[in-house]
Amino acid sequence: MAEYIVDVRERGEITIPKKLREKYNLTEKTEVRLIPKVEGILIKPKVENPVGQLKGLAKNVWPENVSSVDLIKELRKRAKRRSMNPSRRRS
């Protein structure tokens, strides 16, 4: 991974190199988050709708005809049955 060195100007401004702006789709109007870390400052694009970014993430995890609510209900039923009927442990 390449390393970039930039100057911090009088008002605390830096210029993000063009290659990085293009790679991370940073435009003049893009807001970024500055996250203090032990090793330095992490700069990340601000996500407008973080929950919306998750949409479709689990698209292929379960069949389309089963809602996530129904899936969770079924998983809870299974967990309850297991807790009521624990399997025998093998020595």
C-alpha atoms as a PDB file:
ATOM      1  CA  MET A   1       0.000   0.000   0.000  1.00  0.00           C
ATOM      2  CA  ALA A   2       1.339   3.413  -0.942  1.00  0.00           C
ATOM      3  CA  GLU A   3       2.098   6.063   1.624  1.00  0.00           C
ATOM      4  CA  TYR A   4       1.364   9.728   1.005  1.00  0.00           C
ATOM      5  CA  ILE A   5       2.934  12.702   2.760  1.00  0.00           C
ATOM      6  CA  VAL A   6       1.019  15.983   2.744  1.00  0.00           C
ATOM      7  CA  ASP A   7       1.550  19.344   4.414  1.00  0.00           C
ATOM      8  CA  VAL A   8      -0.794  20.730   7.031  1.00  0.00           C
ATOM      9  CA  ARG A   9      -1.417  24.379   6.190  1.00  0.00           C
ATOM     10  CA  GLU A  10      -1.903  27.287   8.582  1.00  0.00           C
ATOM     11  CA  ARG A  11      -5.622  26.664   9.124  1.00  0.00           C
ATOM     12  CA  GLY A  12      -5.180  22.888   9.566  1.00  0.00           C
ATOM     13  CA  GLU A  13      -6.082  22.080   5.972  1.00  0.00           C
ATOM     14  CA  ILE A  14      -4.569  19.225   3.984  1.00  0.00           C
ATOM     15  CA  THR A  15      -4.973  18.171   0.370  1.00  0.00           C
ATOM     16  CA  ILE A  16      -5.902  14.535  -0.146  1.00  0.00           C
ATOM     17  CA  PRO A  17      -3.987  13.281  -3.205  1.00  0.00           C
ATOM     18  CA  LYS A  18      -6.037  12.875  -6.380  1.00  0.00           C
ATOM     19  CA  LYS A  19      -5.488   9.095  -6.571  1.00  0.00           C
ATOM     20  CA  LEU A  20      -7.028   8.679  -3.108  1.00  0.00           C
ATOM     21  CA  ARG A  21      -9.906  11.082  -3.823  1.00  0.00           C
ATOM     22  CA  GLU A  22     -10.755   9.120  -6.960  1.00  0.00           C
ATOM     23  CA  LYS A  23     -10.357   5.714  -5.300  1.00  0.00           C
ATOM     24  CA  TYR A  24     -12.670   6.644  -2.406  1.00  0.00           C
ATOM     25  CA  ASN A  25     -15.002   8.847  -4.475  1.00  0.00           C
ATOM     26  CA  LEU A  26     -14.266  12.001  -2.473  1.00  0.00           C
ATOM     27  CA  THR A  27     -15.550  15.133  -4.168  1.00  0.00           C
ATOM     28  CA  GLU A  28     -15.544  18.778  -3.149  1.00  0.00           C
ATOM     29  CA  LYS A  29     -18.853  18.358  -1.284  1.00  0.00           C
ATOM     30  CA  THR A  30     -18.007  15.059   0.450  1.00  0.00           C
ATOM     31  CA  GLU A  31     -18.095  15.222   4.235  1.00  0.00           C
ATOM     32  CA  VAL A  32     -15.556  13.095   6.084  1.00  0.00           C
ATOM     33  CA  ARG A  33     -15.261  11.909   9.656  1.00  0.00           C
ATOM     34  CA  LEU A  34     -12.007  12.408  11.555  1.00  0.00           C
ATOM     35  CA  ILE A  35     -11.540   9.580  14.041  1.00  0.00           C
ATOM     36  CA  PRO A  36      -8.715   9.934  16.596  1.00  0.00           C
ATOM     37  CA  LYS A  37      -6.730   6.702  16.987  1.00  0.00           C
ATOM     38  CA  VAL A  38      -3.649   5.850  19.043  1.00  0.00           C
ATOM     39  CA  GLU A  39      -1.506   5.697  15.899  1.00  0.00           C
ATOM     40  CA  GLY A  40      -2.971   8.810  14.234  1.00  0.00           C
ATOM     41  CA  ILE A  41      -6.103  10.246  12.654  1.00  0.00           C
ATOM     42  CA  LEU A  42      -8.360   8.028  10.549  1.00  0.00           C
ATOM     43  CA  ILE A  43     -10.255   9.881   7.794  1.00  0.00           C
ATOM     44  CA  LYS A  44     -13.443   8.156   6.591  1.00  0.00           C
ATOM     45  CA  PRO A  45     -16.197   9.353   4.271  1.00  0.00           C
ATOM     46  CA  LYS A  46     -19.347  10.204   6.204  1.00  0.00           C
ATOM     47  CA  VAL A  47     -22.118   7.748   5.373  1.00  0.00           C
ATOM     48  CA  GLU A  48     -25.448   9.527   4.861  1.00  0.00           C
ATOM     49  CA  ASN A  49     -27.608   6.545   5.720  1.00  0.00           C
ATOM     50  CA  PRO A  50     -25.582   3.893   7.582  1.00  0.00           C
ATOM     51  CA  VAL A  51     -28.573   1.545   7.910  1.00  0.00           C
ATOM     52  CA  GLY A  52     -29.283   1.872   4.198  1.00  0.00           C
ATOM     53  CA  GLN A  53     -25.715   0.743   3.518  1.00  0.00           C
ATOM     54  CA  LEU A  54     -26.611  -2.596   5.120  1.00  0.00           C
ATOM     55  CA  LYS A  55     -29.557  -3.223   2.793  1.00  0.00           C
ATOM     56  CA  GLY A  56     -29.039  -6.390   0.816  1.00  0.00           C
ATOM     57  CA  LEU A  57     -26.047  -7.473   2.903  1.00  0.00           C
ATOM     58  CA  ALA A  58     -27.628 -10.814   3.789  1.00  0.00           C
ATOM     59  CA  LYS A  59     -29.399 -11.222   0.463  1.00  0.00           C
ATOM     60  CA  ASN A  60     -28.294 -14.834  -0.065  1.00  0.00           C
ATOM     61  CA  VAL A  61     -28.389 -15.946   3.576  1.00  0.00           C
ATOM     62  CA  TRP A  62     -31.967 -17.236   3.529  1.00  0.00           C
ATOM     63  CA  PRO A  63     -34.585 -17.845   0.838  1.00  0.00           C
ATOM     64  CA  GLU A  64     -36.438 -14.861  -0.586  1.00  0.00           C
ATOM     65  CA  ASN A  65     -39.821 -16.227   0.504  1.00  0.00           C
ATOM     66  CA  VAL A  66     -38.868 -16.113   4.237  1.00  0.00           C
ATOM     67  CA  SER A  67     -38.934 -12.778   6.042  1.00  0.00           C
ATOM     68  CA  SER A  68     -36.214 -11.885   8.525  1.00  0.00           C
ATOM     69  CA  VAL A  69     -38.867 -11.641  11.251  1.00  0.00           C
ATOM     70  CA  ASP A  70     -40.061 -15.194  10.552  1.00  0.00           C
ATOM     71  CA  LEU A  71     -36.474 -16.427  10.451  1.00  0.00           C
ATOM     72  CA  ILE A  72     -35.696 -14.905  13.853  1.00  0.00           C
ATOM     73  CA  LYS A  73     -38.875 -16.393  15.333  1.00  0.00           C
ATOM     74  CA  GLU A  74     -37.882 -19.835  14.065  1.00  0.00           C
ATOM     75  CA  LEU A  75     -34.341 -19.508  15.419  1.00  0.00           C
ATOM     76  CA  ARG A  76     -35.703 -18.496  18.831  1.00  0.00           C
ATOM     77  CA  LYS A  77     -38.029 -21.529  18.853  1.00  0.00           C
ATOM     78  CA  ARG A  78     -35.125 -23.822  18.055  1.00  0.00           C
ATOM     79  CA  ALA A  79     -32.968 -22.277  20.771  1.00  0.00           C
ATOM     80  CA  LYS A  80     -35.787 -22.663  23.306  1.00  0.00           C
ATOM     81  CA  ARG A  81     -36.272 -26.341  22.377  1.00  0.00           C
ATOM     82  CA  ARG A  82     -32.538 -26.975  22.759  1.00  0.00           C
ATOM     83  CA  SER A  83     -32.438 -25.314  26.172  1.00  0.00           C
ATOM     84  CA  MET A  84     -35.407 -27.442  27.313  1.00  0.00           C
ATOM     85  CA  ASN A  85     -33.954 -30.705  25.924  1.00  0.00           C
ATOM     86  CA  PRO A  86     -30.183 -30.515  26.245  1.00  0.00           C
ATOM     87  CA  SER A  87     -28.376 -33.258  24.352  1.00  0.00           C
ATOM     88  CA  ARG A  88     -26.294 -35.795  26.198  1.00  0.00           C
ATOM     89  CA  ARG A  89     -22.640 -34.973  26.429  1.00  0.00           C
ATOM     90  CA  ARG A  90     -20.191 -37.607  25.312  1.00  0.00           C
ATOM     91  CA  SER A  91     -17.244 -38.440  27.543  1.00  0.00           C
END
